[in-house]
Amino acid sequence: MRKPANMLGAAVVAVAFGVGSLASPARAQEAPPGDAAAGKRVYLADGCFLCHGRVGEGGALNGPAPIIAKTEMPFDGFKGQLRSPSNDMPAYSEKIMSDKEVADVYAFLQSLPGRRPLGDVPILNN
């Protein structure tokens, strides 16, 4: 039995972007081992912080740069975005950032705390 195109498309998008209860464990298993300390050095040395902030909090230098701390993007999607960015971000070829360095940066970003719930920000609770 063939699924309607819109349901099949939604399923493909859900799998591609890791939507669903099984996405997180699979993402962690698919990411190559990386060194978070080395990744922080690469992240800062290659200027990622200029747009994404020193701890991946996002920014607005050339327009909105996404928050990438504790990213939910699977490693392959993250690497693909680095190699062939979809927006104003510069491309980081393997000559500029090796696959090992990409894994290190990914490990660094995964080591960050990520977004805090708004209730945890004291100034917003007054």
PDB file of N, CA and C in Angstrom:
ATOM      1  N   MET A   1       0.848  -1.180   0.000  1.00  0.00           N
ATOM      2  CA  MET A   1       0.000   0.000   0.000  1.00  0.00           C
ATOM      3  C   MET A   1       0.889   1.237   0.000  1.00  0.00           C
ATOM      4  N   ARG A   2       0.602   2.155  -0.855  1.00  0.00           N
ATOM      5  CA  ARG A   2       1.403   3.363  -1.009  1.00  0.00           C
ATOM      6  C   ARG A   2       0.857   4.474  -0.125  1.00  0.00           C
ATOM      7  N   LYS A   3       1.776   5.164   0.575  1.00  0.00           N
ATOM      8  CA  LYS A   3       1.369   6.278   1.430  1.00  0.00           C
ATOM      9  C   LYS A   3       1.126   7.510   0.578  1.00  0.00           C
ATOM     10  N   PRO A   4       0.191   8.370   0.969  1.00  0.00           N
ATOM     11  CA  PRO A   4       0.018   9.635   0.260  1.00  0.00           C
ATOM     12  C   PRO A   4       1.310  10.444   0.338  1.00  0.00           C
ATOM     13  N   ALA A   5       1.583  11.236  -0.681  1.00  0.00           N
ATOM     14  CA  ALA A   5       2.829  11.997  -0.776  1.00  0.00           C
ATOM     15  C   ALA A   5       3.057  12.897   0.430  1.00  0.00           C
ATOM     16  N   ASN A   6       2.014  13.549   0.927  1.00  0.00           N
ATOM     17  CA  ASN A   6       2.215  14.466   2.058  1.00  0.00           C
ATOM     18  C   ASN A   6       2.596  13.722   3.336  1.00  0.00           C
ATOM     19  N   MET A   7       2.069  12.540   3.565  1.00  0.00           N
ATOM     20  CA  MET A   7       2.442  11.757   4.742  1.00  0.00           C
ATOM     21  C   MET A   7       3.863  11.219   4.599  1.00  0.00           C
ATOM     22  N   LEU A   8       4.211  10.775   3.393  1.00  0.00           N
ATOM     23  CA  LEU A   8       5.550  10.272   3.145  1.00  0.00           C
ATOM     24  C   LEU A   8       6.569  11.396   3.301  1.00  0.00           C
ATOM     25  N   GLY A   9       6.242  12.574   2.779  1.00  0.00           N
ATOM     26  CA  GLY A   9       7.132  13.728   2.919  1.00  0.00           C
ATOM     27  C   GLY A   9       7.336  14.106   4.370  1.00  0.00           C
ATOM     28  N   ALA A  10       6.283  14.088   5.150  1.00  0.00           N
ATOM     29  CA  ALA A  10       6.399  14.409   6.576  1.00  0.00           C
ATOM     30  C   ALA A  10       7.263  13.389   7.295  1.00  0.00           C
ATOM     31  N   ALA A  11       7.129  12.123   6.922  1.00  0.00           N
ATOM     32  CA  ALA A  11       7.947  11.082   7.548  1.00  0.00           C
ATOM     33  C   ALA A  11       9.417  11.272   7.203  1.00  0.00           C
ATOM     34  N   VAL A  12       9.706  11.611   5.954  1.00  0.00           N
ATOM     35  CA  VAL A  12      11.089  11.844   5.540  1.00  0.00           C
ATOM     36  C   VAL A  12      11.672  13.028   6.291  1.00  0.00           C
ATOM     37  N   VAL A  13      10.918  14.121   6.412  1.00  0.00           N
ATOM     38  CA  VAL A  13      11.383  15.296   7.145  1.00  0.00           C
ATOM     39  C   VAL A  13      11.609  14.953   8.613  1.00  0.00           C
ATOM     40  N   ALA A  14      10.703  14.212   9.217  1.00  0.00           N
ATOM     41  CA  ALA A  14      10.844  13.841  10.622  1.00  0.00           C
ATOM     42  C   ALA A  14      12.106  13.024  10.857  1.00  0.00           C
ATOM     43  N   VAL A  15      12.381  12.087   9.978  1.00  0.00           N
ATOM     44  CA  VAL A  15      13.582  11.261  10.120  1.00  0.00           C
ATOM     45  C   VAL A  15      14.823  12.094   9.871  1.00  0.00           C
ATOM     46  N   ALA A  16      14.805  12.935   8.851  1.00  0.00           N
ATOM     47  CA  ALA A  16      15.976  13.743   8.501  1.00  0.00           C
ATOM     48  C   ALA A  16      16.358  14.709   9.612  1.00  0.00           C
ATOM     49  N   PHE A  17      15.391  15.264  10.308  1.00  0.00           N
ATOM     50  CA  PHE A  17      15.681  16.246  11.342  1.00  0.00           C
ATOM     51  C   PHE A  17      15.619  15.666  12.747  1.00  0.00           C
ATOM     52  N   GLY A  18      15.519  14.361  12.855  1.00  0.00           N
ATOM     53  CA  GLY A  18      15.600  13.725  14.163  1.00  0.00           C
ATOM     54  C   GLY A  18      14.387  13.932  15.039  1.00  0.00           C
ATOM     55  N   VAL A  19      13.203  14.087  14.429  1.00  0.00           N
ATOM     56  CA  VAL A  19      11.995  14.261  15.213  1.00  0.00           C
ATOM     57  C   VAL A  19      11.519  12.872  15.637  1.00  0.00           C
ATOM     58  N   GLY A  20      11.209  12.739  16.886  1.00  0.00           N
ATOM     59  CA  GLY A  20      10.716  11.453  17.374  1.00  0.00           C
ATOM     60  C   GLY A  20      11.493  11.008  18.596  1.00  0.00           C
ATOM     61  N   SER A  21      10.965  10.019  19.270  1.00  0.00           N
ATOM     62  CA  SER A  21      11.554   9.604  20.536  1.00  0.00           C
ATOM     63  C   SER A  21      12.871   8.870  20.378  1.00  0.00           C
ATOM     64  N   LEU A  22      13.157   8.311  19.227  1.00  0.00           N
ATOM     65  CA  LEU A  22      14.395   7.558  19.047  1.00  0.00           C
ATOM     66  C   LEU A  22      15.524   8.416  18.503  1.00  0.00           C
ATOM     67  N   ALA A  23      15.279   9.677  18.226  1.00  0.00           N
ATOM     68  CA  ALA A  23      16.279  10.523  17.566  1.00  0.00           C
ATOM     69  C   ALA A  23      17.504  10.794  18.431  1.00  0.00           C
ATOM     70  N   SER A  24      17.335  11.102  19.693  1.00  0.00           N
ATOM     71  CA  SER A  24      18.477  11.476  20.527  1.00  0.00           C
ATOM     72  C   SER A  24      19.487  10.353  20.699  1.00  0.00           C
ATOM     73  N   PRO A  25      19.085   9.120  21.062  1.00  0.00           N
ATOM     74  CA  PRO A  25      20.082   8.067  21.192  1.00  0.00           C
ATOM     75  C   PRO A  25      20.791   7.785  19.876  1.00  0.00           C
ATOM     76  N   ALA A  26      20.081   7.817  18.759  1.00  0.00           N
ATOM     77  CA  ALA A  26      20.712   7.552  17.471  1.00  0.00           C
ATOM     78  C   ALA A  26      21.724   8.639  17.150  1.00  0.00           C
ATOM     79  N   ARG A  27      21.382   9.886  17.448  1.00  0.00           N
ATOM     80  CA  ARG A  27      22.295  10.984  17.153  1.00  0.00           C
ATOM     81  C   ARG A  27      23.602  10.810  17.925  1.00  0.00           C
ATOM     82  N   ALA A  28      23.499  10.460  19.191  1.00  0.00           N
ATOM     83  CA  ALA A  28      24.692  10.303  20.013  1.00  0.00           C
ATOM     84  C   ALA A  28      25.547   9.146  19.502  1.00  0.00           C
ATOM     85  N   GLN A  29      24.924   8.081  19.018  1.00  0.00           N
ATOM     86  CA  GLN A  29      25.669   6.940  18.520  1.00  0.00           C
ATOM     87  C   GLN A  29      26.327   7.244  17.184  1.00  0.00           C
ATOM     88  N   GLU A  30      25.721   8.084  16.359  1.00  0.00           N
ATOM     89  CA  GLU A  30      26.243   8.369  15.027  1.00  0.00           C
ATOM     90  C   GLU A  30      27.374   9.388  15.038  1.00  0.00           C
ATOM     91  N   ALA A  31      27.467  10.214  16.050  1.00  0.00           N
ATOM     92  CA  ALA A  31      28.512  11.230  16.102  1.00  0.00           C
ATOM     93  C   ALA A  31      29.843  10.563  16.408  1.00  0.00           C
ATOM     94  N   PRO A  32      30.870  10.869  15.617  1.00  0.00           N
ATOM     95  CA  PRO A  32      32.185  10.304  15.930  1.00  0.00           C
ATOM     96  C   PRO A  32      32.707  10.896  17.229  1.00  0.00           C
ATOM     97  N   PRO A  33      33.615  10.196  17.882  1.00  0.00           N
ATOM     98  CA  PRO A  33      34.147  10.747  19.128  1.00  0.00           C
ATOM     99  C   PRO A  33      34.886  12.045  18.846  1.00  0.00           C
ATOM    100  N   GLY A  34      34.701  12.995  19.702  1.00  0.00           N
ATOM    101  CA  GLY A  34      35.360  14.290  19.552  1.00  0.00           C
ATOM    102  C   GLY A  34      35.917  14.752  20.878  1.00  0.00           C
ATOM    103  N   ASP A  35      36.846  15.670  20.816  1.00  0.00           N
ATOM    104  CA  ASP A  35      37.483  16.236  22.002  1.00  0.00           C
ATOM    105  C   ASP A  35      36.915  17.641  22.198  1.00  0.00           C
ATOM    106  N   ALA A  36      36.098  17.813  23.240  1.00  0.00           N
ATOM    107  CA  ALA A  36      35.426  19.097  23.465  1.00  0.00           C
ATOM    108  C   ALA A  36      36.415  20.232  23.684  1.00  0.00           C
ATOM    109  N   ALA A  37      37.521  19.989  24.387  1.00  0.00           N
ATOM    110  CA  ALA A  37      38.519  21.051  24.629  1.00  0.00           C
ATOM    111  C   ALA A  37      39.167  21.479  23.313  1.00  0.00           C
ATOM    112  N   ALA A  38      39.499  20.511  22.460  1.00  0.00           N
ATOM    113  CA  ALA A  38      40.063  20.842  21.148  1.00  0.00           C
ATOM    114  C   ALA A  38      39.013  21.558  20.297  1.00  0.00           C
ATOM    115  N   GLY A  39      37.760  21.118  20.413  1.00  0.00           N
ATOM    116  CA  GLY A  39      36.673  21.746  19.661  1.00  0.00           C
ATOM    117  C   GLY A  39      36.474  23.196  20.048  1.00  0.00           C
ATOM    118  N   LYS A  40      36.624  23.500  21.325  1.00  0.00           N
ATOM    119  CA  LYS A  40      36.507  24.891  21.780  1.00  0.00           C
ATOM    120  C   LYS A  40      37.607  25.737  21.148  1.00  0.00           C
ATOM    121  N   ARG A  41      38.824  25.200  21.097  1.00  0.00           N
ATOM    122  CA  ARG A  41      39.939  25.941  20.479  1.00  0.00           C
ATOM    123  C   ARG A  41      39.657  26.219  19.000  1.00  0.00           C
ATOM    124  N   VAL A  42      39.170  25.211  18.279  1.00  0.00           N
ATOM    125  CA  VAL A  42      38.854  25.383  16.853  1.00  0.00           C
ATOM    126  C   VAL A  42      37.717  26.386  16.689  1.00  0.00           C
ATOM    127  N   TYR A  43      36.667  26.252  17.495  1.00  0.00           N
ATOM    128  CA  TYR A  43      35.494  27.127  17.446  1.00  0.00           C
ATOM    129  C   TYR A  43      35.912  28.588  17.600  1.00  0.00           C
ATOM    130  N   LEU A  44      36.814  28.848  18.551  1.00  0.00           N
ATOM    131  CA  LEU A  44      37.276  30.217  18.790  1.00  0.00           C
ATOM    132  C   LEU A  44      38.278  30.665  17.722  1.00  0.00           C
ATOM    133  N   ALA A  45      39.215  29.805  17.354  1.00  0.00           N
ATOM    134  CA  ALA A  45      40.250  30.165  16.377  1.00  0.00           C
ATOM    135  C   ALA A  45      39.677  30.411  14.987  1.00  0.00           C
ATOM    136  N   ASP A  46      38.673  29.640  14.595  1.00  0.00           N
ATOM    137  CA  ASP A  46      38.094  29.787  13.255  1.00  0.00           C
ATOM    138  C   ASP A  46      36.992  30.834  13.194  1.00  0.00           C
ATOM    139  N   GLY A  47      36.718  31.499  14.305  1.00  0.00           N
ATOM    140  CA  GLY A  47      35.784  32.619  14.309  1.00  0.00           C
ATOM    141  C   GLY A  47      34.316  32.252  14.378  1.00  0.00           C
ATOM    142  N   CYS A  48      33.983  31.014  14.707  1.00  0.00           N
ATOM    143  CA  CYS A  48      32.572  30.619  14.816  1.00  0.00           C
ATOM    144  C   CYS A  48      31.830  31.501  15.822  1.00  0.00           C
ATOM    145  N   PHE A  49      32.558  31.902  16.879  1.00  0.00           N
ATOM    146  CA  PHE A  49      31.960  32.699  17.951  1.00  0.00           C
ATOM    147  C   PHE A  49      31.528  34.078  17.483  1.00  0.00           C
ATOM    148  N   LEU A  50      32.091  34.567  16.387  1.00  0.00           N
ATOM    149  CA  LEU A  50      31.736  35.906  15.924  1.00  0.00           C
ATOM    150  C   LEU A  50      30.248  36.022  15.598  1.00  0.00           C
ATOM    151  N   CYS A  51      29.675  34.952  15.092  1.00  0.00           N
ATOM    152  CA  CYS A  51      28.242  34.964  14.778  1.00  0.00           C
ATOM    153  C   CYS A  51      27.416  34.172  15.792  1.00  0.00           C
ATOM    154  N   HIS A  52      27.946  33.043  16.239  1.00  0.00           N
ATOM    155  CA  HIS A  52      27.180  32.144  17.103  1.00  0.00           C
ATOM    156  C   HIS A  52      27.394  32.370  18.589  1.00  0.00           C
ATOM    157  N   GLY A  53      28.261  33.319  18.963  1.00  0.00           N
ATOM    158  CA  GLY A  53      28.518  33.600  20.369  1.00  0.00           C
ATOM    159  C   GLY A  53      29.577  32.672  20.943  1.00  0.00           C
ATOM    160  N   ARG A  54      30.196  33.112  22.027  1.00  0.00           N
ATOM    161  CA  ARG A  54      31.306  32.353  22.622  1.00  0.00           C
ATOM    162  C   ARG A  54      30.877  30.993  23.163  1.00  0.00           C
ATOM    163  N   VAL A  55      29.630  30.863  23.541  1.00  0.00           N
ATOM    164  CA  VAL A  55      29.149  29.573  24.034  1.00  0.00           C
ATOM    165  C   VAL A  55      27.922  29.113  23.242  1.00  0.00           C
ATOM    166  N   GLY A  56      27.929  29.415  21.938  1.00  0.00           N
ATOM    167  CA  GLY A  56      26.875  28.937  21.050  1.00  0.00           C
ATOM    168  C   GLY A  56      25.509  29.516  21.296  1.00  0.00           C
ATOM    169  N   GLU A  57      25.454  30.707  21.936  1.00  0.00           N
ATOM    170  CA  GLU A  57      24.164  31.288  22.310  1.00  0.00           C
ATOM    171  C   GLU A  57      23.445  31.997  21.167  1.00  0.00           C
ATOM    172  N   GLY A  58      24.060  32.058  19.999  1.00  0.00           N
ATOM    173  CA  GLY A  58      23.443  32.724  18.864  1.00  0.00           C
ATOM    174  C   GLY A  58      23.798  34.200  18.839  1.00  0.00           C
ATOM    175  N   GLY A  59      23.479  34.855  17.766  1.00  0.00           N
ATOM    176  CA  GLY A  59      23.810  36.263  17.645  1.00  0.00           C
ATOM    177  C   GLY A  59      23.185  36.863  16.410  1.00  0.00           C
ATOM    178  N   ALA A  60      23.588  38.090  16.111  1.00  0.00           N
ATOM    179  CA  ALA A  60      22.976  38.801  14.993  1.00  0.00           C
ATOM    180  C   ALA A  60      23.967  39.700  14.280  1.00  0.00           C
ATOM    181  N   LEU A  61      25.192  39.235  14.014  1.00  0.00           N
ATOM    182  CA  LEU A  61      26.186  40.055  13.327  1.00  0.00           C
ATOM    183  C   LEU A  61      25.759  40.352  11.891  1.00  0.00           C
ATOM    184  N   ASN A  62      25.474  39.334  11.099  1.00  0.00           N
ATOM    185  CA  ASN A  62      25.033  39.498   9.709  1.00  0.00           C
ATOM    186  C   ASN A  62      23.578  39.095   9.543  1.00  0.00           C
ATOM    187  N   GLY A  63      22.846  39.056  10.576  1.00  0.00           N
ATOM    188  CA  GLY A  63      21.484  38.541  10.581  1.00  0.00           C
ATOM    189  C   GLY A  63      21.419  37.519  11.693  1.00  0.00           C
ATOM    190  N   PRO A  64      20.277  36.953  11.933  1.00  0.00           N
ATOM    191  CA  PRO A  64      20.177  36.031  13.055  1.00  0.00           C
ATOM    192  C   PRO A  64      21.002  34.761  12.833  1.00  0.00           C
ATOM    193  N   ALA A  65      21.901  34.483  13.756  1.00  0.00           N
ATOM    194  CA  ALA A  65      22.670  33.233  13.747  1.00  0.00           C
ATOM    195  C   ALA A  65      22.053  32.328  14.801  1.00  0.00           C
ATOM    196  N   PRO A  66      21.791  31.084  14.457  1.00  0.00           N
ATOM    197  CA  PRO A  66      21.079  30.207  15.392  1.00  0.00           C
ATOM    198  C   PRO A  66      21.881  29.854  16.638  1.00  0.00           C
ATOM    199  N   ILE A  67      21.156  29.508  17.665  1.00  0.00           N
ATOM    200  CA  ILE A  67      21.751  28.968  18.881  1.00  0.00           C
ATOM    201  C   ILE A  67      22.209  27.551  18.544  1.00  0.00           C
ATOM    202  N   ILE A  68      23.488  27.281  18.778  1.00  0.00           N
ATOM    203  CA  ILE A  68      24.008  25.958  18.449  1.00  0.00           C
ATOM    204  C   ILE A  68      24.543  25.216  19.666  1.00  0.00           C
ATOM    205  N   ALA A  69      24.456  25.821  20.846  1.00  0.00           N
ATOM    206  CA  ALA A  69      24.836  25.119  22.069  1.00  0.00           C
ATOM    207  C   ALA A  69      23.881  23.950  22.266  1.00  0.00           C
ATOM    208  N   LYS A  70      24.427  22.784  22.555  1.00  0.00           N
ATOM    209  CA  LYS A  70      23.633  21.570  22.769  1.00  0.00           C
ATOM    210  C   LYS A  70      22.687  21.337  21.588  1.00  0.00           C
ATOM    211  N   THR A  71      23.227  21.508  20.371  1.00  0.00           N
ATOM    212  CA  THR A  71      22.412  21.383  19.168  1.00  0.00           C
ATOM    213  C   THR A  71      21.736  20.024  19.073  1.00  0.00           C
ATOM    214  N   GLU A  72      20.521  20.025  18.564  1.00  0.00           N
ATOM    215  CA  GLU A  72      19.794  18.779  18.337  1.00  0.00           C
ATOM    216  C   GLU A  72      20.014  18.284  16.915  1.00  0.00           C
ATOM    217  N   MET A  73      20.776  19.051  16.135  1.00  0.00           N
ATOM    218  CA  MET A  73      21.060  18.647  14.764  1.00  0.00           C
ATOM    219  C   MET A  73      21.960  17.405  14.790  1.00  0.00           C
ATOM    220  N   PRO A  74      21.620  16.371  14.030  1.00  0.00           N
ATOM    221  CA  PRO A  74      22.495  15.199  13.966  1.00  0.00           C
ATOM    222  C   PRO A  74      23.866  15.594  13.410  1.00  0.00           C
ATOM    223  N   PHE A  75      24.883  14.835  13.759  1.00  0.00           N
ATOM    224  CA  PHE A  75      26.242  15.155  13.341  1.00  0.00           C
ATOM    225  C   PHE A  75      26.350  15.321  11.829  1.00  0.00           C
ATOM    226  N   ASP A  76      25.765  14.410  11.064  1.00  0.00           N
ATOM    227  CA  ASP A  76      25.879  14.506   9.604  1.00  0.00           C
ATOM    228  C   ASP A  76      25.253  15.795   9.077  1.00  0.00           C
ATOM    229  N   GLY A  77      24.146  16.232   9.661  1.00  0.00           N
ATOM    230  CA  GLY A  77      23.533  17.498   9.263  1.00  0.00           C
ATOM    231  C   GLY A  77      24.399  18.676   9.644  1.00  0.00           C
ATOM    232  N   PHE A  78      25.003  18.611  10.821  1.00  0.00           N
ATOM    233  CA  PHE A  78      25.913  19.657  11.287  1.00  0.00           C
ATOM    234  C   PHE A  78      27.113  19.776  10.344  1.00  0.00           C
ATOM    235  N   LYS A  79      27.712  18.645  10.028  1.00  0.00           N
ATOM    236  CA  LYS A  79      28.860  18.630   9.120  1.00  0.00           C
ATOM    237  C   LYS A  79      28.455  19.138   7.729  1.00  0.00           C
ATOM    238  N   GLY A  80      27.282  18.727   7.258  1.00  0.00           N
ATOM    239  CA  GLY A  80      26.789  19.192   5.964  1.00  0.00           C
ATOM    240  C   GLY A  80      26.590  20.697   5.933  1.00  0.00           C
ATOM    241  N   GLN A  81      26.076  21.257   7.023  1.00  0.00           N
ATOM    242  CA  GLN A  81      25.891  22.709   7.103  1.00  0.00           C
ATOM    243  C   GLN A  81      27.239  23.423   7.083  1.00  0.00           C
ATOM    244  N   LEU A  82      28.239  22.858   7.741  1.00  0.00           N
ATOM    245  CA  LEU A  82      29.579  23.465   7.720  1.00  0.00           C
ATOM    246  C   LEU A  82      30.181  23.436   6.316  1.00  0.00           C
ATOM    247  N   ARG A  83      30.016  22.316   5.640  1.00  0.00           N
ATOM    248  CA  ARG A  83      30.631  22.147   4.317  1.00  0.00           C
ATOM    249  C   ARG A  83      29.881  22.924   3.227  1.00  0.00           C
ATOM    250  N   SER A  84      28.563  22.935   3.292  1.00  0.00           N
ATOM    251  CA  SER A  84      27.728  23.618   2.292  1.00  0.00           C
ATOM    252  C   SER A  84      26.624  24.377   3.002  1.00  0.00           C
ATOM    253  N   PRO A  85      26.931  25.544   3.574  1.00  0.00           N
ATOM    254  CA  PRO A  85      25.938  26.274   4.364  1.00  0.00           C
ATOM    255  C   PRO A  85      24.739  26.733   3.545  1.00  0.00           C
ATOM    256  N   SER A  86      23.604  26.815   4.232  1.00  0.00           N
ATOM    257  CA  SER A  86      22.372  27.202   3.557  1.00  0.00           C
ATOM    258  C   SER A  86      22.135  28.708   3.570  1.00  0.00           C
ATOM    259  N   ASN A  87      22.845  29.446   4.384  1.00  0.00           N
ATOM    260  CA  ASN A  87      22.610  30.887   4.472  1.00  0.00           C
ATOM    261  C   ASN A  87      23.914  31.657   4.291  1.00  0.00           C
ATOM    262  N   ASP A  88      24.093  32.738   5.034  1.00  0.00           N
ATOM    263  CA  ASP A  88      25.254  33.612   4.895  1.00  0.00           C
ATOM    264  C   ASP A  88      26.532  33.052   5.501  1.00  0.00           C
ATOM    265  N   MET A  89      26.448  31.928   6.151  1.00  0.00           N
ATOM    266  CA  MET A  89      27.616  31.342   6.797  1.00  0.00           C
ATOM    267  C   MET A  89      28.659  30.951   5.748  1.00  0.00           C
ATOM    268  N   PRO A  90      29.941  31.194   6.042  1.00  0.00           N
ATOM    269  CA  PRO A  90      30.974  30.757   5.091  1.00  0.00           C
ATOM    270  C   PRO A  90      31.116  29.236   5.115  1.00  0.00           C
ATOM    271  N   ALA A  91      31.538  28.678   4.003  1.00  0.00           N
ATOM    272  CA  ALA A  91      31.767  27.235   3.918  1.00  0.00           C
ATOM    273  C   ALA A  91      33.115  26.891   4.539  1.00  0.00           C
ATOM    274  N   TYR A  92      33.145  25.784   5.246  1.00  0.00           N
ATOM    275  CA  TYR A  92      34.383  25.277   5.854  1.00  0.00           C
ATOM    276  C   TYR A  92      34.723  23.959   5.170  1.00  0.00           C
ATOM    277  N   SER A  93      35.552  24.040   4.123  1.00  0.00           N
ATOM    278  CA  SER A  93      35.955  22.831   3.410  1.00  0.00           C
ATOM    279  C   SER A  93      36.853  21.990   4.307  1.00  0.00           C
ATOM    280  N   GLU A  94      37.141  20.781   3.868  1.00  0.00           N
ATOM    281  CA  GLU A  94      38.003  19.900   4.657  1.00  0.00           C
ATOM    282  C   GLU A  94      39.421  20.456   4.759  1.00  0.00           C
ATOM    283  N   LYS A  95      39.826  21.303   3.817  1.00  0.00           N
ATOM    284  CA  LYS A  95      41.144  21.946   3.896  1.00  0.00           C
ATOM    285  C   LYS A  95      41.182  22.976   5.030  1.00  0.00           C
ATOM    286  N   ILE A  96      40.044  23.582   5.311  1.00  0.00           N
ATOM    287  CA  ILE A  96      39.961  24.599   6.369  1.00  0.00           C
ATOM    288  C   ILE A  96      39.698  23.952   7.721  1.00  0.00           C
ATOM    289  N   MET A  97      38.776  22.989   7.763  1.00  0.00           N
ATOM    290  CA  MET A  97      38.419  22.307   9.008  1.00  0.00           C
ATOM    291  C   MET A  97      38.295  20.812   8.706  1.00  0.00           C
ATOM    292  N   SER A  98      39.204  20.032   9.245  1.00  0.00           N
ATOM    293  CA  SER A  98      39.203  18.584   8.998  1.00  0.00           C
ATOM    294  C   SER A  98      37.967  17.928   9.613  1.00  0.00           C
ATOM    295  N   ASP A  99      37.677  16.710   9.170  1.00  0.00           N
ATOM    296  CA  ASP A  99      36.553  15.972   9.749  1.00  0.00           C
ATOM    297  C   ASP A  99      36.749  15.770  11.250  1.00  0.00           C
ATOM    298  N   LYS A 100      37.980  15.555  11.687  1.00  0.00           N
ATOM    299  CA  LYS A 100      38.281  15.398  13.115  1.00  0.00           C
ATOM    300  C   LYS A 100      37.960  16.693  13.853  1.00  0.00           C
ATOM    301  N   GLU A 101      38.332  17.831  13.269  1.00  0.00           N
ATOM    302  CA  GLU A 101      38.026  19.120  13.905  1.00  0.00           C
ATOM    303  C   GLU A 101      36.520  19.372  13.953  1.00  0.00           C
ATOM    304  N   VAL A 102      35.795  18.959  12.910  1.00  0.00           N
ATOM    305  CA  VAL A 102      34.332  19.092  12.925  1.00  0.00           C
ATOM    306  C   VAL A 102      33.759  18.272  14.079  1.00  0.00           C
ATOM    307  N   ALA A 103      34.251  17.046  14.259  1.00  0.00           N
ATOM    308  CA  ALA A 103      33.795  16.198  15.373  1.00  0.00           C
ATOM    309  C   ALA A 103      34.134  16.843  16.713  1.00  0.00           C
ATOM    310  N   ASP A 104      35.305  17.484  16.797  1.00  0.00           N
ATOM    311  CA  ASP A 104      35.698  18.157  18.038  1.00  0.00           C
ATOM    312  C   ASP A 104      34.774  19.341  18.335  1.00  0.00           C
ATOM    313  N   VAL A 105      34.470  20.146  17.316  1.00  0.00           N
ATOM    314  CA  VAL A 105      33.566  21.295  17.511  1.00  0.00           C
ATOM    315  C   VAL A 105      32.186  20.798  17.920  1.00  0.00           C
ATOM    316  N   TYR A 106      31.721  19.738  17.287  1.00  0.00           N
ATOM    317  CA  TYR A 106      30.415  19.167  17.635  1.00  0.00           C
ATOM    318  C   TYR A 106      30.417  18.710  19.099  1.00  0.00           C
ATOM    319  N   ALA A 107      31.497  18.059  19.520  1.00  0.00           N
ATOM    320  CA  ALA A 107      31.614  17.618  20.921  1.00  0.00           C
ATOM    321  C   ALA A 107      31.606  18.819  21.865  1.00  0.00           C
ATOM    322  N   PHE A 108      32.294  19.893  21.481  1.00  0.00           N
ATOM    323  CA  PHE A 108      32.288  21.114  22.291  1.00  0.00           C
ATOM    324  C   PHE A 108      30.871  21.652  22.427  1.00  0.00           C
ATOM    325  N   LEU A 109      30.163  21.764  21.318  1.00  0.00           N
ATOM    326  CA  LEU A 109      28.806  22.302  21.353  1.00  0.00           C
ATOM    327  C   LEU A 109      27.882  21.415  22.187  1.00  0.00           C
ATOM    328  N   GLN A 110      28.071  20.107  22.120  1.00  0.00           N
ATOM    329  CA  GLN A 110      27.250  19.190  22.912  1.00  0.00           C
ATOM    330  C   GLN A 110      27.577  19.287  24.401  1.00  0.00           C
ATOM    331  N   SER A 111      28.782  19.750  24.731  1.00  0.00           N
ATOM    332  CA  SER A 111      29.174  19.869  26.140  1.00  0.00           C
ATOM    333  C   SER A 111      28.606  21.123  26.807  1.00  0.00           C
ATOM    334  N   LEU A 112      28.101  22.047  26.015  1.00  0.00           N
ATOM    335  CA  LEU A 112      27.566  23.299  26.547  1.00  0.00           C
ATOM    336  C   LEU A 112      26.187  23.084  27.158  1.00  0.00           C
ATOM    337  N   PRO A 113      25.790  23.942  28.101  1.00  0.00           N
ATOM    338  CA  PRO A 113      24.511  23.736  28.779  1.00  0.00           C
ATOM    339  C   PRO A 113      23.279  23.934  27.901  1.00  0.00           C
ATOM    340  N   GLY A 114      23.366  24.695  26.841  1.00  0.00           N
ATOM    341  CA  GLY A 114      22.193  24.920  26.004  1.00  0.00           C
ATOM    342  C   GLY A 114      21.252  25.943  26.605  1.00  0.00           C
ATOM    343  N   ARG A 115      20.048  25.975  26.076  1.00  0.00           N
ATOM    344  CA  ARG A 115      19.059  26.957  26.529  1.00  0.00           C
ATOM    345  C   ARG A 115      18.589  26.661  27.936  1.00  0.00           C
ATOM    346  N   ARG A 116      18.402  27.729  28.695  1.00  0.00           N
ATOM    347  CA  ARG A 116      17.841  27.609  30.040  1.00  0.00           C
ATOM    348  C   ARG A 116      16.349  27.909  29.965  1.00  0.00           C
ATOM    349  N   PRO A 117      15.554  27.233  30.785  1.00  0.00           N
ATOM    350  CA  PRO A 117      14.133  27.587  30.846  1.00  0.00           C
ATOM    351  C   PRO A 117      13.998  29.034  31.331  1.00  0.00           C
ATOM    352  N   LEU A 118      13.040  29.761  30.806  1.00  0.00           N
ATOM    353  CA  LEU A 118      12.860  31.163  31.180  1.00  0.00           C
ATOM    354  C   LEU A 118      12.668  31.338  32.672  1.00  0.00           C
ATOM    355  N   GLY A 119      12.084  30.366  33.329  1.00  0.00           N
ATOM    356  CA  GLY A 119      11.885  30.447  34.776  1.00  0.00           C
ATOM    357  C   GLY A 119      13.189  30.434  35.552  1.00  0.00           C
ATOM    358  N   ASP A 120      14.276  30.006  34.920  1.00  0.00           N
ATOM    359  CA  ASP A 120      15.582  29.970  35.579  1.00  0.00           C
ATOM    360  C   ASP A 120      16.358  31.274  35.445  1.00  0.00           C
ATOM    361  N   VAL A 121      15.800  32.260  34.736  1.00  0.00           N
ATOM    362  CA  VAL A 121      16.476  33.541  34.549  1.00  0.00           C
ATOM    363  C   VAL A 121      15.880  34.514  35.561  1.00  0.00           C
ATOM    364  N   PRO A 122      16.675  34.858  36.615  1.00  0.00           N
ATOM    365  CA  PRO A 122      16.127  35.654  37.726  1.00  0.00           C
ATOM    366  C   PRO A 122      15.463  36.955  37.301  1.00  0.00           C
ATOM    367  N   ILE A 123      16.048  37.694  36.383  1.00  0.00           N
ATOM    368  CA  ILE A 123      15.490  39.003  36.007  1.00  0.00           C
ATOM    369  C   ILE A 123      14.096  38.886  35.382  1.00  0.00           C
ATOM    370  N   LEU A 124      13.809  37.737  34.798  1.00  0.00           N
ATOM    371  CA  LEU A 124      12.506  37.546  34.184  1.00  0.00           C
ATOM    372  C   LEU A 124      11.435  37.132  35.174  1.00  0.00           C
ATOM    373  N   ASN A 125      11.828  36.894  36.401  1.00  0.00           N
ATOM    374  CA  ASN A 125      10.869  36.450  37.417  1.00  0.00           C
ATOM    375  C   ASN A 125      10.440  37.576  38.352  1.00  0.00           C
ATOM    376  N   ASN A 126      10.840  38.799  38.068  1.00  0.00           N
ATOM    377  CA  ASN A 126      10.461  39.935  38.945  1.00  0.00           C
ATOM    378  C   ASN A 126       9.154  40.537  38.525  1.00  0.00           C
TER     379      ASN A 126
END
